[in-house]
Amino acid sequence: MSPSPAGSAVPTSGSPAPRRTRLTPERERELFTAVVDLVREHGYEAVTMDAVAARTKASKATLYRQWESKPKLVATALRHLAVASPADVDTGSLAEDLRRMAHELIAHATEDTALLNGLAHAVTKDPELWQALHDLHIRPGLEMLDAVLRRAVERGELAEDNPAKDYVVHLVLGAFGTRKLIENTDVDTEFMEKYLRAVVFPALGIA
């Protein structure tokens, strides 16, 4: 939008300032979900405001009025869909807790990997976008894992000074990326069970 000519920046009674369109919470969530779906399908760089407008049946003018730019729209969509408090995992056993968490990752691997891949390059250039992705996909899992490991220490299952404790998330998530890269095959339950028993459990001192 072009800047107002000199002397017309302050609206008069005859020309009211433009108002932001108010969307219902349901409409906002529908729009944000569509934005994230587009990033999964096509990658961040390929998504345009025109594509968002077409998918959501919204005018491009409304999108720009509400969010100003694609980076802000995508970051807002990610934050809006973020899980405020992930469902707790507490089976009373560290091994079983880790199995449950790994199986949850497998259940959502397709859509999560598509989103991460779609944003992989963009987040290295845009700290706000990285933070939004972290809030949506990284932070909830880290908080849950911290709680699982803390309870294991309290139960005496895990030594508090175990050096592998800080790298569990790297071990588990690394299995997803490396199997696809090396074998061109997705991680499944059978593979993850063998991987936990051979790599993760021994590192944590789980018999």
C-alpha atoms as a PDB file:
ATOM      1  CA  MET A   1       0.000   0.000   0.000  1.00  0.00           C
ATOM      2  CA  SER A   2       1.405   3.451  -0.923  1.00  0.00           C
ATOM      3  CA  PRO A   3       2.065   5.894   1.910  1.00  0.00           C
ATOM      4  CA  SER A   4      -0.443   8.685   2.367  1.00  0.00           C
ATOM      5  CA  PRO A   5       0.428  12.007   0.783  1.00  0.00           C
ATOM      6  CA  ALA A   6       1.905  14.629   3.053  1.00  0.00           C
ATOM      7  CA  GLY A   7      -0.704  16.256   5.214  1.00  0.00           C
ATOM      8  CA  SER A   8      -3.193  13.364   5.001  1.00  0.00           C
ATOM      9  CA  ALA A   9      -1.641  10.951   7.514  1.00  0.00           C
ATOM     10  CA  VAL A  10      -4.130  11.909  10.204  1.00  0.00           C
ATOM     11  CA  PRO A  11      -7.651  10.784   9.232  1.00  0.00           C
ATOM     12  CA  THR A  12     -10.388  13.391   9.306  1.00  0.00           C
ATOM     13  CA  SER A  13     -13.982  12.829  10.238  1.00  0.00           C
ATOM     14  CA  GLY A  14     -14.732  12.373   6.546  1.00  0.00           C
ATOM     15  CA  SER A  15     -12.093   9.646   6.029  1.00  0.00           C
ATOM     16  CA  PRO A  16     -12.034   7.175   8.923  1.00  0.00           C
ATOM     17  CA  ALA A  17      -8.934   5.065   9.511  1.00  0.00           C
ATOM     18  CA  PRO A  18      -9.162   1.543   8.071  1.00  0.00           C
ATOM     19  CA  ARG A  19     -10.150  -1.073  10.639  1.00  0.00           C
ATOM     20  CA  ARG A  20      -8.685  -4.537  10.984  1.00  0.00           C
ATOM     21  CA  THR A  21     -11.155  -7.221   9.958  1.00  0.00           C
ATOM     22  CA  ARG A  22     -12.300  -9.214  12.963  1.00  0.00           C
ATOM     23  CA  LEU A  23     -12.310 -12.969  12.340  1.00  0.00           C
ATOM     24  CA  THR A  24     -14.052 -15.438  14.587  1.00  0.00           C
ATOM     25  CA  PRO A  25     -11.786 -17.870  16.471  1.00  0.00           C
ATOM     26  CA  GLU A  26     -13.190 -20.700  14.355  1.00  0.00           C
ATOM     27  CA  ARG A  27     -12.419 -18.863  11.119  1.00  0.00           C
ATOM     28  CA  GLU A  28      -8.920 -17.975  12.320  1.00  0.00           C
ATOM     29  CA  ARG A  29      -8.170 -21.594  13.186  1.00  0.00           C
ATOM     30  CA  GLU A  30      -9.493 -22.752   9.812  1.00  0.00           C
ATOM     31  CA  LEU A  31      -7.277 -20.222   8.064  1.00  0.00           C
ATOM     32  CA  PHE A  32      -4.168 -21.039  10.132  1.00  0.00           C
ATOM     33  CA  THR A  33      -4.658 -24.771   9.568  1.00  0.00           C
ATOM     34  CA  ALA A  34      -4.861 -24.176   5.824  1.00  0.00           C
ATOM     35  CA  VAL A  35      -1.652 -22.112   5.888  1.00  0.00           C
ATOM     36  CA  VAL A  36       0.281 -24.862   7.680  1.00  0.00           C
ATOM     37  CA  ASP A  37      -1.161 -27.486   5.323  1.00  0.00           C
ATOM     38  CA  LEU A  38       0.091 -25.478   2.334  1.00  0.00           C
ATOM     39  CA  VAL A  39       3.585 -25.325   3.824  1.00  0.00           C
ATOM     40  CA  ARG A  40       3.514 -29.100   4.332  1.00  0.00           C
ATOM     41  CA  GLU A  41       2.383 -29.707   0.774  1.00  0.00           C
ATOM     42  CA  HIS A  42       4.548 -27.263  -1.158  1.00  0.00           C
ATOM     43  CA  GLY A  43       7.276 -25.901   1.130  1.00  0.00           C
ATOM     44  CA  TYR A  44       7.472 -22.425   2.593  1.00  0.00           C
ATOM     45  CA  GLU A  45       9.216 -20.809  -0.368  1.00  0.00           C
ATOM     46  CA  ALA A  46       6.561 -21.982  -2.824  1.00  0.00           C
ATOM     47  CA  VAL A  47       3.608 -20.769  -0.746  1.00  0.00           C
ATOM     48  CA  THR A  48       2.260 -17.380  -1.814  1.00  0.00           C
ATOM     49  CA  MET A  49      -0.365 -15.086  -0.362  1.00  0.00           C
ATOM     50  CA  ASP A  50      -2.378 -15.733  -3.535  1.00  0.00           C
ATOM     51  CA  ALA A  51      -2.316 -19.472  -2.764  1.00  0.00           C
ATOM     52  CA  VAL A  52      -3.378 -18.839   0.819  1.00  0.00           C
ATOM     53  CA  ALA A  53      -6.217 -16.605  -0.351  1.00  0.00           C
ATOM     54  CA  ALA A  54      -7.404 -19.240  -2.812  1.00  0.00           C
ATOM     55  CA  ARG A  55      -7.202 -22.104  -0.302  1.00  0.00           C
ATOM     56  CA  THR A  56      -8.964 -20.179   2.481  1.00  0.00           C
ATOM     57  CA  LYS A  57     -11.416 -18.281   0.253  1.00  0.00           C
ATOM     58  CA  ALA A  58     -10.203 -15.041   1.803  1.00  0.00           C
ATOM     59  CA  SER A  59      -9.219 -11.873  -0.007  1.00  0.00           C
ATOM     60  CA  LYS A  60      -5.519 -11.137  -0.296  1.00  0.00           C
ATOM     61  CA  ALA A  61      -6.233  -7.623   0.975  1.00  0.00           C
ATOM     62  CA  THR A  62      -7.664  -9.094   4.182  1.00  0.00           C
ATOM     63  CA  LEU A  63      -4.615 -11.291   4.678  1.00  0.00           C
ATOM     64  CA  TYR A  64      -2.230  -8.355   4.282  1.00  0.00           C
ATOM     65  CA  ARG A  65      -4.375  -6.119   6.485  1.00  0.00           C
ATOM     66  CA  GLN A  66      -4.392  -8.720   9.256  1.00  0.00           C
ATOM     67  CA  TRP A  67      -0.811 -10.075   9.059  1.00  0.00           C
ATOM     68  CA  GLU A  68       1.160  -7.699   6.780  1.00  0.00           C
ATOM     69  CA  SER A  69       3.374 -10.384   5.193  1.00  0.00           C
ATOM     70  CA  LYS A  70       3.739 -14.098   4.519  1.00  0.00           C
ATOM     71  CA  PRO A  71       6.410 -14.617   7.226  1.00  0.00           C
ATOM     72  CA  LYS A  72       4.169 -13.044   9.861  1.00  0.00           C
ATOM     73  CA  LEU A  73       1.143 -15.025   8.689  1.00  0.00           C
ATOM     74  CA  VAL A  74       2.992 -18.363   8.768  1.00  0.00           C
ATOM     75  CA  ALA A  75       4.624 -17.601  12.139  1.00  0.00           C
ATOM     76  CA  THR A  76       1.249 -16.609  13.607  1.00  0.00           C
ATOM     77  CA  ALA A  77      -0.362 -19.761  12.219  1.00  0.00           C
ATOM     78  CA  LEU A  78       2.319 -21.942  13.814  1.00  0.00           C
ATOM     79  CA  ARG A  79       1.991 -20.205  17.189  1.00  0.00           C
ATOM     80  CA  HIS A  80      -1.805 -20.398  17.080  1.00  0.00           C
ATOM     81  CA  LEU A  81      -1.703 -24.157  16.513  1.00  0.00           C
ATOM     82  CA  ALA A  82       0.981 -24.784  19.138  1.00  0.00           C
ATOM     83  CA  VAL A  83       0.157 -27.260  21.903  1.00  0.00           C
ATOM     84  CA  ALA A  84       0.105 -25.305  25.152  1.00  0.00           C
ATOM     85  CA  SER A  85       0.460 -28.386  27.339  1.00  0.00           C
ATOM     86  CA  PRO A  86       1.248 -31.788  25.801  1.00  0.00           C
ATOM     87  CA  ALA A  87      -0.438 -34.875  27.135  1.00  0.00           C
ATOM     88  CA  ASP A  88       1.700 -36.317  29.910  1.00  0.00           C
ATOM     89  CA  VAL A  89       3.397 -39.700  29.610  1.00  0.00           C
ATOM     90  CA  ASP A  90       3.858 -41.430  32.958  1.00  0.00           C
ATOM     91  CA  THR A  91       3.725 -45.232  32.916  1.00  0.00           C
ATOM     92  CA  GLY A  92       5.959 -45.637  35.971  1.00  0.00           C
ATOM     93  CA  SER A  93       8.803 -46.991  33.824  1.00  0.00           C
ATOM     94  CA  LEU A  94      11.422 -45.001  31.912  1.00  0.00           C
ATOM     95  CA  ALA A  95      11.681 -47.621  29.181  1.00  0.00           C
ATOM     96  CA  GLU A  96       7.929 -47.706  28.660  1.00  0.00           C
ATOM     97  CA  ASP A  97       7.659 -43.898  28.755  1.00  0.00           C
ATOM     98  CA  LEU A  98      10.274 -43.647  25.998  1.00  0.00           C
ATOM     99  CA  ARG A  99       8.466 -46.302  23.964  1.00  0.00           C
ATOM    100  CA  ARG A 100       5.201 -44.365  24.235  1.00  0.00           C
ATOM    101  CA  MET A 101       6.862 -41.126  23.163  1.00  0.00           C
ATOM    102  CA  ALA A 102       8.616 -42.825  20.237  1.00  0.00           C
ATOM    103  CA  HIS A 103       5.373 -44.417  19.075  1.00  0.00           C
ATOM    104  CA  GLU A 104       3.639 -41.020  19.236  1.00  0.00           C
ATOM    105  CA  LEU A 105       6.374 -39.603  17.004  1.00  0.00           C
ATOM    106  CA  ILE A 106       5.868 -42.455  14.548  1.00  0.00           C
ATOM    107  CA  ALA A 107       2.105 -41.851  14.474  1.00  0.00           C
ATOM    108  CA  HIS A 108       2.605 -38.226  13.402  1.00  0.00           C
ATOM    109  CA  ALA A 109       5.845 -38.653  11.457  1.00  0.00           C
ATOM    110  CA  THR A 110       4.415 -38.073   7.979  1.00  0.00           C
ATOM    111  CA  GLU A 111       2.769 -34.721   8.642  1.00  0.00           C
ATOM    112  CA  ASP A 112       5.475 -33.523  11.042  1.00  0.00           C
ATOM    113  CA  THR A 113       8.314 -34.384   8.654  1.00  0.00           C
ATOM    114  CA  ALA A 114       6.525 -32.633   5.804  1.00  0.00           C
ATOM    115  CA  LEU A 115       6.198 -29.457   7.864  1.00  0.00           C
ATOM    116  CA  LEU A 116       9.793 -29.553   9.091  1.00  0.00           C
ATOM    117  CA  ASN A 117      11.074 -30.149   5.567  1.00  0.00           C
ATOM    118  CA  GLY A 118       8.867 -27.382   4.225  1.00  0.00           C
ATOM    119  CA  LEU A 119      10.316 -24.874   6.685  1.00  0.00           C
ATOM    120  CA  ALA A 120      13.894 -26.189   6.881  1.00  0.00           C
ATOM    121  CA  HIS A 121      15.513 -23.469   4.784  1.00  0.00           C
ATOM    122  CA  ALA A 122      13.249 -20.597   5.801  1.00  0.00           C
ATOM    123  CA  VAL A 123      13.833 -20.979   9.543  1.00  0.00           C
ATOM    124  CA  THR A 124      17.586 -20.513   9.069  1.00  0.00           C
ATOM    125  CA  LYS A 125      16.860 -17.037   7.689  1.00  0.00           C
ATOM    126  CA  ASP A 126      13.988 -15.937   9.920  1.00  0.00           C
ATOM    127  CA  PRO A 127      14.386 -16.165  13.734  1.00  0.00           C
ATOM    128  CA  GLU A 128      10.694 -15.401  14.295  1.00  0.00           C
ATOM    129  CA  LEU A 129       9.691 -18.289  12.059  1.00  0.00           C
ATOM    130  CA  TRP A 130      12.151 -20.610  13.831  1.00  0.00           C
ATOM    131  CA  GLN A 131      10.745 -19.602  17.223  1.00  0.00           C
ATOM    132  CA  ALA A 132       7.199 -20.253  16.038  1.00  0.00           C
ATOM    133  CA  LEU A 133       8.176 -23.696  14.714  1.00  0.00           C
ATOM    134  CA  HIS A 134       9.973 -24.405  18.001  1.00  0.00           C
ATOM    135  CA  ASP A 135       6.861 -23.426  19.982  1.00  0.00           C
ATOM    136  CA  LEU A 136       4.659 -25.705  17.869  1.00  0.00           C
ATOM    137  CA  HIS A 137       6.782 -28.812  17.346  1.00  0.00           C
ATOM    138  CA  ILE A 138       9.877 -28.761  19.519  1.00  0.00           C
ATOM    139  CA  ARG A 139       9.135 -27.212  22.904  1.00  0.00           C
ATOM    140  CA  PRO A 140       6.141 -29.417  23.867  1.00  0.00           C
ATOM    141  CA  GLY A 141       8.121 -32.601  23.232  1.00  0.00           C
ATOM    142  CA  LEU A 142      11.163 -31.302  25.100  1.00  0.00           C
ATOM    143  CA  GLU A 143       9.044 -30.388  28.111  1.00  0.00           C
ATOM    144  CA  MET A 144       7.456 -33.833  28.135  1.00  0.00           C
ATOM    145  CA  LEU A 145      10.838 -35.554  27.826  1.00  0.00           C
ATOM    146  CA  ASP A 146      12.282 -33.431  30.648  1.00  0.00           C
ATOM    147  CA  ALA A 147       9.404 -34.534  32.896  1.00  0.00           C
ATOM    148  CA  VAL A 148       9.901 -38.206  31.960  1.00  0.00           C
ATOM    149  CA  LEU A 149      13.631 -38.076  32.713  1.00  0.00           C
ATOM    150  CA  ARG A 150      13.125 -36.129  35.946  1.00  0.00           C
ATOM    151  CA  ARG A 151      10.688 -38.727  37.259  1.00  0.00           C
ATOM    152  CA  ALA A 152      13.096 -41.515  36.267  1.00  0.00           C
ATOM    153  CA  VAL A 153      15.822 -39.853  38.339  1.00  0.00           C
ATOM    154  CA  GLU A 154      13.430 -39.470  41.274  1.00  0.00           C
ATOM    155  CA  ARG A 155      12.511 -43.181  41.055  1.00  0.00           C
ATOM    156  CA  GLY A 156      16.172 -44.157  40.967  1.00  0.00           C
ATOM    157  CA  GLU A 157      15.954 -45.609  37.453  1.00  0.00           C
ATOM    158  CA  LEU A 158      18.313 -43.047  35.951  1.00  0.00           C
ATOM    159  CA  ALA A 159      21.517 -41.606  37.384  1.00  0.00           C
ATOM    160  CA  GLU A 160      21.252 -37.830  37.627  1.00  0.00           C
ATOM    161  CA  ASP A 161      24.765 -37.429  36.234  1.00  0.00           C
ATOM    162  CA  ASN A 162      24.241 -39.816  33.304  1.00  0.00           C
ATOM    163  CA  PRO A 163      25.945 -38.007  30.378  1.00  0.00           C
ATOM    164  CA  ALA A 164      23.501 -39.409  27.802  1.00  0.00           C
ATOM    165  CA  LYS A 165      20.526 -37.768  29.542  1.00  0.00           C
ATOM    166  CA  ASP A 166      20.979 -34.497  27.654  1.00  0.00           C
ATOM    167  CA  TYR A 167      21.123 -36.236  24.278  1.00  0.00           C
ATOM    168  CA  VAL A 168      18.074 -38.508  24.350  1.00  0.00           C
ATOM    169  CA  VAL A 169      16.107 -36.222  22.033  1.00  0.00           C
ATOM    170  CA  HIS A 170      19.009 -36.147  19.567  1.00  0.00           C
ATOM    171  CA  LEU A 171      19.269 -39.941  19.660  1.00  0.00           C
ATOM    172  CA  VAL A 172      15.574 -40.535  19.069  1.00  0.00           C
ATOM    173  CA  LEU A 173      14.946 -37.836  16.461  1.00  0.00           C
ATOM    174  CA  GLY A 174      18.184 -38.734  14.718  1.00  0.00           C
ATOM    175  CA  ALA A 175      16.836 -42.197  13.996  1.00  0.00           C
ATOM    176  CA  PHE A 176      14.021 -40.738  11.896  1.00  0.00           C
ATOM    177  CA  GLY A 177      16.243 -38.624   9.673  1.00  0.00           C
ATOM    178  CA  THR A 178      19.092 -41.074   9.248  1.00  0.00           C
ATOM    179  CA  ARG A 179      16.993 -44.122   8.359  1.00  0.00           C
ATOM    180  CA  LYS A 180      15.234 -42.174   5.620  1.00  0.00           C
ATOM    181  CA  LEU A 181      18.573 -40.860   4.345  1.00  0.00           C
ATOM    182  CA  ILE A 182      20.473 -44.155   4.478  1.00  0.00           C
ATOM    183  CA  GLU A 183      17.743 -46.684   3.650  1.00  0.00           C
ATOM    184  CA  ASN A 184      15.045 -44.498   2.048  1.00  0.00           C
ATOM    185  CA  THR A 185      12.616 -46.102   4.500  1.00  0.00           C
ATOM    186  CA  ASP A 186      10.484 -44.567   7.225  1.00  0.00           C
ATOM    187  CA  VAL A 187      10.923 -45.520  10.861  1.00  0.00           C
ATOM    188  CA  ASP A 188       8.294 -47.999  12.045  1.00  0.00           C
ATOM    189  CA  THR A 189       7.479 -49.579  15.398  1.00  0.00           C
ATOM    190  CA  GLU A 190       9.692 -52.637  14.851  1.00  0.00           C
ATOM    191  CA  PHE A 191      12.716 -50.551  13.893  1.00  0.00           C
ATOM    192  CA  MET A 192      12.216 -48.155  16.811  1.00  0.00           C
ATOM    193  CA  GLU A 193      11.926 -50.979  19.350  1.00  0.00           C
ATOM    194  CA  LYS A 194      15.227 -52.467  18.152  1.00  0.00           C
ATOM    195  CA  TYR A 195      16.838 -49.026  18.113  1.00  0.00           C
ATOM    196  CA  LEU A 196      15.708 -48.221  21.652  1.00  0.00           C
ATOM    197  CA  ARG A 197      17.025 -51.544  22.948  1.00  0.00           C
ATOM    198  CA  ALA A 198      20.350 -51.343  21.101  1.00  0.00           C
ATOM    199  CA  VAL A 199      21.165 -47.644  21.410  1.00  0.00           C
ATOM    200  CA  VAL A 200      19.005 -45.533  23.736  1.00  0.00           C
ATOM    201  CA  PHE A 201      18.397 -47.893  26.657  1.00  0.00           C
ATOM    202  CA  PRO A 202      22.085 -48.915  27.061  1.00  0.00           C
ATOM    203  CA  ALA A 203      23.141 -45.258  26.964  1.00  0.00           C
ATOM    204  CA  LEU A 204      20.751 -44.521  29.821  1.00  0.00           C
ATOM    205  CA  GLY A 205      21.678 -47.593  31.802  1.00  0.00           C
ATOM    206  CA  ILE A 206      18.312 -49.320  31.279  1.00  0.00           C
ATOM    207  CA  ALA A 207      18.717 -53.095  31.434  1.00  0.00           C
END
